[in-house]
Amino acid sequence: MASHCTHLDQIHNVKPKTRGCEECLKMGDSWVHLRMCLTCGHVGCCDSSKNKHATKHFHATRHAIMQSVEPGEDWRWCYVDEMMVE
């Protein structure tokens, strides 16, 4: 594992594409918490949600860094380096 994230160049100034999990909204399903891809703005549900769409988005696109979009939360995670990102 890296001592620092090596994917910071993938972070872009993006806005959420949807107000909820993009896939869950299409399916009419629910989620627990939301995460936004910092490469493209895709919003997916967290791994505590049954569908885990944020992680599925990473596996499909290799967009490494996501950010919580929950009120009061201000953190980012790199899937590749498996670490919090500042």
N, C-alpha and C. Protein backbone atom coordinates (compact mmCIF):
# COMPACT_ATOMS: atom_id res chain seq x y z
N MET A 1 0.85 -1.18 0.00
CA MET A 1 0.00 0.00 0.00
C MET A 1 0.89 1.24 0.00
N ALA A 2 0.49 2.24 -0.73
CA ALA A 2 1.25 3.48 -0.83
C ALA A 2 1.16 4.26 0.48
N SER A 3 2.17 5.08 0.75
CA SER A 3 2.13 5.92 1.95
C SER A 3 1.35 7.20 1.70
N HIS A 4 1.09 7.49 0.44
CA HIS A 4 0.23 8.62 0.07
C HIS A 4 -0.53 8.25 -1.21
N CYS A 5 -1.64 8.89 -1.41
CA CYS A 5 -2.46 8.58 -2.58
C CYS A 5 -1.74 9.02 -3.86
N THR A 6 -1.72 8.13 -4.83
CA THR A 6 -1.06 8.40 -6.11
C THR A 6 -2.05 8.74 -7.22
N HIS A 7 -3.30 9.04 -6.85
CA HIS A 7 -4.35 9.28 -7.84
C HIS A 7 -4.98 10.66 -7.75
N LEU A 8 -4.30 11.59 -7.08
CA LEU A 8 -4.86 12.93 -6.90
C LEU A 8 -5.11 13.63 -8.23
N ASP A 9 -4.41 13.23 -9.28
CA ASP A 9 -4.60 13.84 -10.60
C ASP A 9 -5.96 13.47 -11.20
N GLN A 10 -6.67 12.52 -10.61
CA GLN A 10 -7.99 12.14 -11.10
C GLN A 10 -9.11 13.01 -10.51
N ILE A 11 -8.77 13.86 -9.55
CA ILE A 11 -9.77 14.72 -8.93
C ILE A 11 -10.07 15.90 -9.84
N HIS A 12 -11.35 16.08 -10.14
CA HIS A 12 -11.81 17.19 -10.97
C HIS A 12 -12.86 17.99 -10.20
N ASN A 13 -13.11 19.19 -10.64
CA ASN A 13 -14.14 20.03 -10.03
C ASN A 13 -15.49 19.58 -10.58
N VAL A 14 -16.11 18.61 -9.93
CA VAL A 14 -17.36 18.02 -10.42
C VAL A 14 -18.51 18.37 -9.49
N LYS A 15 -19.70 18.27 -10.01
CA LYS A 15 -20.92 18.42 -9.22
C LYS A 15 -21.67 17.10 -9.31
N PRO A 16 -22.45 16.75 -8.28
CA PRO A 16 -23.21 15.50 -8.33
C PRO A 16 -24.16 15.47 -9.53
N LYS A 17 -24.17 14.34 -10.24
CA LYS A 17 -25.04 14.19 -11.40
C LYS A 17 -26.50 14.00 -10.99
N THR A 18 -26.73 13.45 -9.79
CA THR A 18 -28.09 13.19 -9.31
C THR A 18 -28.17 13.57 -7.83
N ARG A 19 -29.39 13.63 -7.31
CA ARG A 19 -29.60 13.97 -5.90
C ARG A 19 -29.66 12.72 -5.03
N GLY A 20 -29.44 11.59 -5.62
CA GLY A 20 -29.43 10.31 -4.91
C GLY A 20 -28.58 9.33 -5.70
N CYS A 21 -28.55 8.09 -5.28
CA CYS A 21 -27.80 7.07 -6.01
C CYS A 21 -28.40 6.91 -7.40
N GLU A 22 -27.58 7.14 -8.41
CA GLU A 22 -28.06 7.12 -9.79
C GLU A 22 -28.75 5.80 -10.14
N GLU A 23 -28.13 4.68 -9.82
CA GLU A 23 -28.69 3.38 -10.17
C GLU A 23 -29.91 3.03 -9.31
N CYS A 24 -29.84 3.33 -8.00
CA CYS A 24 -30.98 3.03 -7.13
C CYS A 24 -32.21 3.83 -7.54
N LEU A 25 -32.01 5.09 -7.94
CA LEU A 25 -33.14 5.90 -8.41
C LEU A 25 -33.80 5.26 -9.63
N LYS A 26 -32.99 4.75 -10.56
CA LYS A 26 -33.52 4.09 -11.76
C LYS A 26 -34.27 2.81 -11.41
N MET A 27 -33.78 2.10 -10.37
CA MET A 27 -34.38 0.83 -9.96
C MET A 27 -35.55 1.01 -9.00
N GLY A 28 -35.69 2.22 -8.45
CA GLY A 28 -36.71 2.44 -7.43
C GLY A 28 -36.32 1.84 -6.10
N ASP A 29 -35.01 1.74 -5.84
CA ASP A 29 -34.50 1.13 -4.61
C ASP A 29 -34.01 2.22 -3.65
N SER A 30 -33.62 1.81 -2.46
CA SER A 30 -33.16 2.75 -1.44
C SER A 30 -31.68 2.56 -1.16
N TRP A 31 -31.10 3.49 -0.38
CA TRP A 31 -29.68 3.43 -0.04
C TRP A 31 -29.50 3.91 1.38
N VAL A 32 -28.28 3.73 1.92
CA VAL A 32 -27.96 4.18 3.27
C VAL A 32 -27.25 5.53 3.22
N HIS A 33 -26.09 5.59 2.55
CA HIS A 33 -25.32 6.82 2.42
C HIS A 33 -24.87 6.98 0.98
N LEU A 34 -24.52 8.22 0.60
CA LEU A 34 -24.14 8.51 -0.78
C LEU A 34 -22.68 8.91 -0.89
N ARG A 35 -22.06 8.50 -2.00
CA ARG A 35 -20.68 8.83 -2.34
C ARG A 35 -20.64 9.37 -3.75
N MET A 36 -19.77 10.37 -4.00
CA MET A 36 -19.65 10.96 -5.33
C MET A 36 -18.26 10.70 -5.89
N CYS A 37 -18.21 10.27 -7.12
CA CYS A 37 -16.95 10.08 -7.83
C CYS A 37 -16.36 11.45 -8.13
N LEU A 38 -15.10 11.66 -7.76
CA LEU A 38 -14.47 12.95 -7.98
C LEU A 38 -13.84 13.08 -9.36
N THR A 39 -13.99 12.06 -10.19
CA THR A 39 -13.55 12.14 -11.58
C THR A 39 -14.69 12.59 -12.48
N CYS A 40 -15.90 12.03 -12.26
CA CYS A 40 -17.00 12.31 -13.19
C CYS A 40 -18.28 12.83 -12.55
N GLY A 41 -18.40 12.80 -11.22
CA GLY A 41 -19.61 13.29 -10.55
C GLY A 41 -20.69 12.25 -10.36
N HIS A 42 -20.43 11.00 -10.72
CA HIS A 42 -21.42 9.93 -10.50
C HIS A 42 -21.70 9.82 -9.01
N VAL A 43 -22.97 9.68 -8.65
CA VAL A 43 -23.37 9.49 -7.25
C VAL A 43 -23.84 8.05 -7.10
N GLY A 44 -23.22 7.34 -6.15
CA GLY A 44 -23.58 5.96 -5.89
C GLY A 44 -23.76 5.73 -4.40
N CYS A 45 -24.39 4.62 -4.06
CA CYS A 45 -24.62 4.29 -2.66
C CYS A 45 -23.38 3.61 -2.07
N CYS A 46 -23.24 3.74 -0.75
CA CYS A 46 -22.06 3.25 -0.02
C CYS A 46 -22.09 1.73 0.14
N ASP A 47 -21.02 1.20 0.70
CA ASP A 47 -20.93 -0.24 0.91
C ASP A 47 -21.82 -0.75 2.04
N SER A 48 -22.40 0.15 2.83
CA SER A 48 -23.39 -0.27 3.83
C SER A 48 -24.76 -0.44 3.18
N SER A 49 -24.92 0.06 1.97
CA SER A 49 -26.16 -0.11 1.20
C SER A 49 -26.10 -1.47 0.50
N LYS A 50 -27.26 -2.06 0.28
CA LYS A 50 -27.26 -3.42 -0.29
C LYS A 50 -26.70 -3.49 -1.70
N ASN A 51 -26.80 -2.39 -2.48
CA ASN A 51 -26.36 -2.44 -3.88
C ASN A 51 -24.91 -2.01 -4.10
N LYS A 52 -24.33 -1.26 -3.18
CA LYS A 52 -22.92 -0.85 -3.23
C LYS A 52 -22.52 -0.24 -4.57
N HIS A 53 -23.35 0.68 -5.07
CA HIS A 53 -23.12 1.24 -6.41
C HIS A 53 -21.87 2.11 -6.52
N ALA A 54 -21.44 2.77 -5.46
CA ALA A 54 -20.22 3.58 -5.54
C ALA A 54 -19.01 2.68 -5.83
N THR A 55 -18.91 1.57 -5.12
CA THR A 55 -17.81 0.63 -5.36
C THR A 55 -17.93 -0.02 -6.73
N LYS A 56 -19.14 -0.34 -7.15
CA LYS A 56 -19.35 -0.91 -8.49
C LYS A 56 -18.92 0.08 -9.57
N HIS A 57 -19.18 1.37 -9.33
CA HIS A 57 -18.74 2.40 -10.28
C HIS A 57 -17.21 2.40 -10.39
N PHE A 58 -16.52 2.31 -9.26
CA PHE A 58 -15.06 2.23 -9.29
C PHE A 58 -14.59 1.04 -10.11
N HIS A 59 -15.16 -0.13 -9.86
CA HIS A 59 -14.72 -1.34 -10.59
C HIS A 59 -14.99 -1.22 -12.09
N ALA A 60 -16.06 -0.56 -12.45
CA ALA A 60 -16.41 -0.41 -13.87
C ALA A 60 -15.56 0.65 -14.58
N THR A 61 -15.16 1.70 -13.86
CA THR A 61 -14.50 2.84 -14.50
C THR A 61 -13.04 3.02 -14.11
N ARG A 62 -12.65 2.47 -12.97
CA ARG A 62 -11.32 2.68 -12.37
C ARG A 62 -11.12 4.13 -11.91
N HIS A 63 -12.21 4.88 -11.74
CA HIS A 63 -12.13 6.22 -11.15
C HIS A 63 -11.84 6.01 -9.67
N ALA A 64 -10.66 6.40 -9.23
CA ALA A 64 -10.13 5.96 -7.94
C ALA A 64 -10.69 6.66 -6.72
N ILE A 65 -11.03 7.94 -6.81
CA ILE A 65 -11.34 8.69 -5.60
C ILE A 65 -12.80 9.11 -5.53
N MET A 66 -13.40 8.83 -4.38
CA MET A 66 -14.77 9.26 -4.14
C MET A 66 -14.82 10.08 -2.87
N GLN A 67 -15.92 10.81 -2.74
CA GLN A 67 -16.12 11.67 -1.57
C GLN A 67 -17.51 11.42 -1.01
N SER A 68 -17.61 11.45 0.30
CA SER A 68 -18.93 11.37 0.92
C SER A 68 -19.71 12.63 0.56
N VAL A 69 -20.98 12.47 0.25
CA VAL A 69 -21.85 13.63 0.01
C VAL A 69 -22.94 13.70 1.08
N GLU A 70 -22.65 13.08 2.22
CA GLU A 70 -23.58 13.13 3.34
C GLU A 70 -23.41 14.46 4.08
N PRO A 71 -24.52 15.06 4.53
CA PRO A 71 -24.42 16.30 5.30
C PRO A 71 -23.53 16.12 6.53
N GLY A 72 -22.62 17.07 6.73
CA GLY A 72 -21.73 17.02 7.88
C GLY A 72 -20.50 16.15 7.70
N GLU A 73 -20.38 15.44 6.58
CA GLU A 73 -19.20 14.62 6.33
C GLU A 73 -18.33 15.29 5.27
N ASP A 74 -17.03 15.28 5.51
CA ASP A 74 -16.09 15.92 4.60
C ASP A 74 -14.84 15.05 4.46
N TRP A 75 -14.99 13.89 3.82
CA TRP A 75 -13.85 13.01 3.65
C TRP A 75 -13.87 12.39 2.26
N ARG A 76 -12.67 11.93 1.85
CA ARG A 76 -12.47 11.30 0.54
C ARG A 76 -11.73 9.99 0.73
N TRP A 77 -11.97 9.07 -0.20
CA TRP A 77 -11.36 7.73 -0.13
C TRP A 77 -10.81 7.36 -1.49
N CYS A 78 -9.60 6.80 -1.50
CA CYS A 78 -9.02 6.26 -2.74
C CYS A 78 -9.18 4.74 -2.71
N TYR A 79 -9.93 4.21 -3.65
CA TYR A 79 -10.15 2.76 -3.73
C TYR A 79 -8.86 2.02 -4.05
N VAL A 80 -8.04 2.57 -4.92
CA VAL A 80 -6.82 1.89 -5.35
C VAL A 80 -5.80 1.80 -4.23
N ASP A 81 -5.51 2.95 -3.61
CA ASP A 81 -4.51 2.98 -2.53
C ASP A 81 -5.08 2.60 -1.18
N GLU A 82 -6.40 2.42 -1.11
CA GLU A 82 -7.12 2.04 0.11
C GLU A 82 -6.74 2.95 1.28
N MET A 83 -6.98 4.26 1.07
CA MET A 83 -6.65 5.22 2.11
C MET A 83 -7.48 6.47 1.99
N MET A 84 -7.59 7.18 3.12
CA MET A 84 -8.25 8.48 3.12
C MET A 84 -7.38 9.47 2.37
N VAL A 85 -8.03 10.41 1.70
CA VAL A 85 -7.32 11.40 0.88
C VAL A 85 -7.65 12.79 1.39
N GLU A 86 -6.64 13.63 1.49
CA GLU A 86 -6.85 15.01 1.93
C GLU A 86 -7.12 15.91 0.75
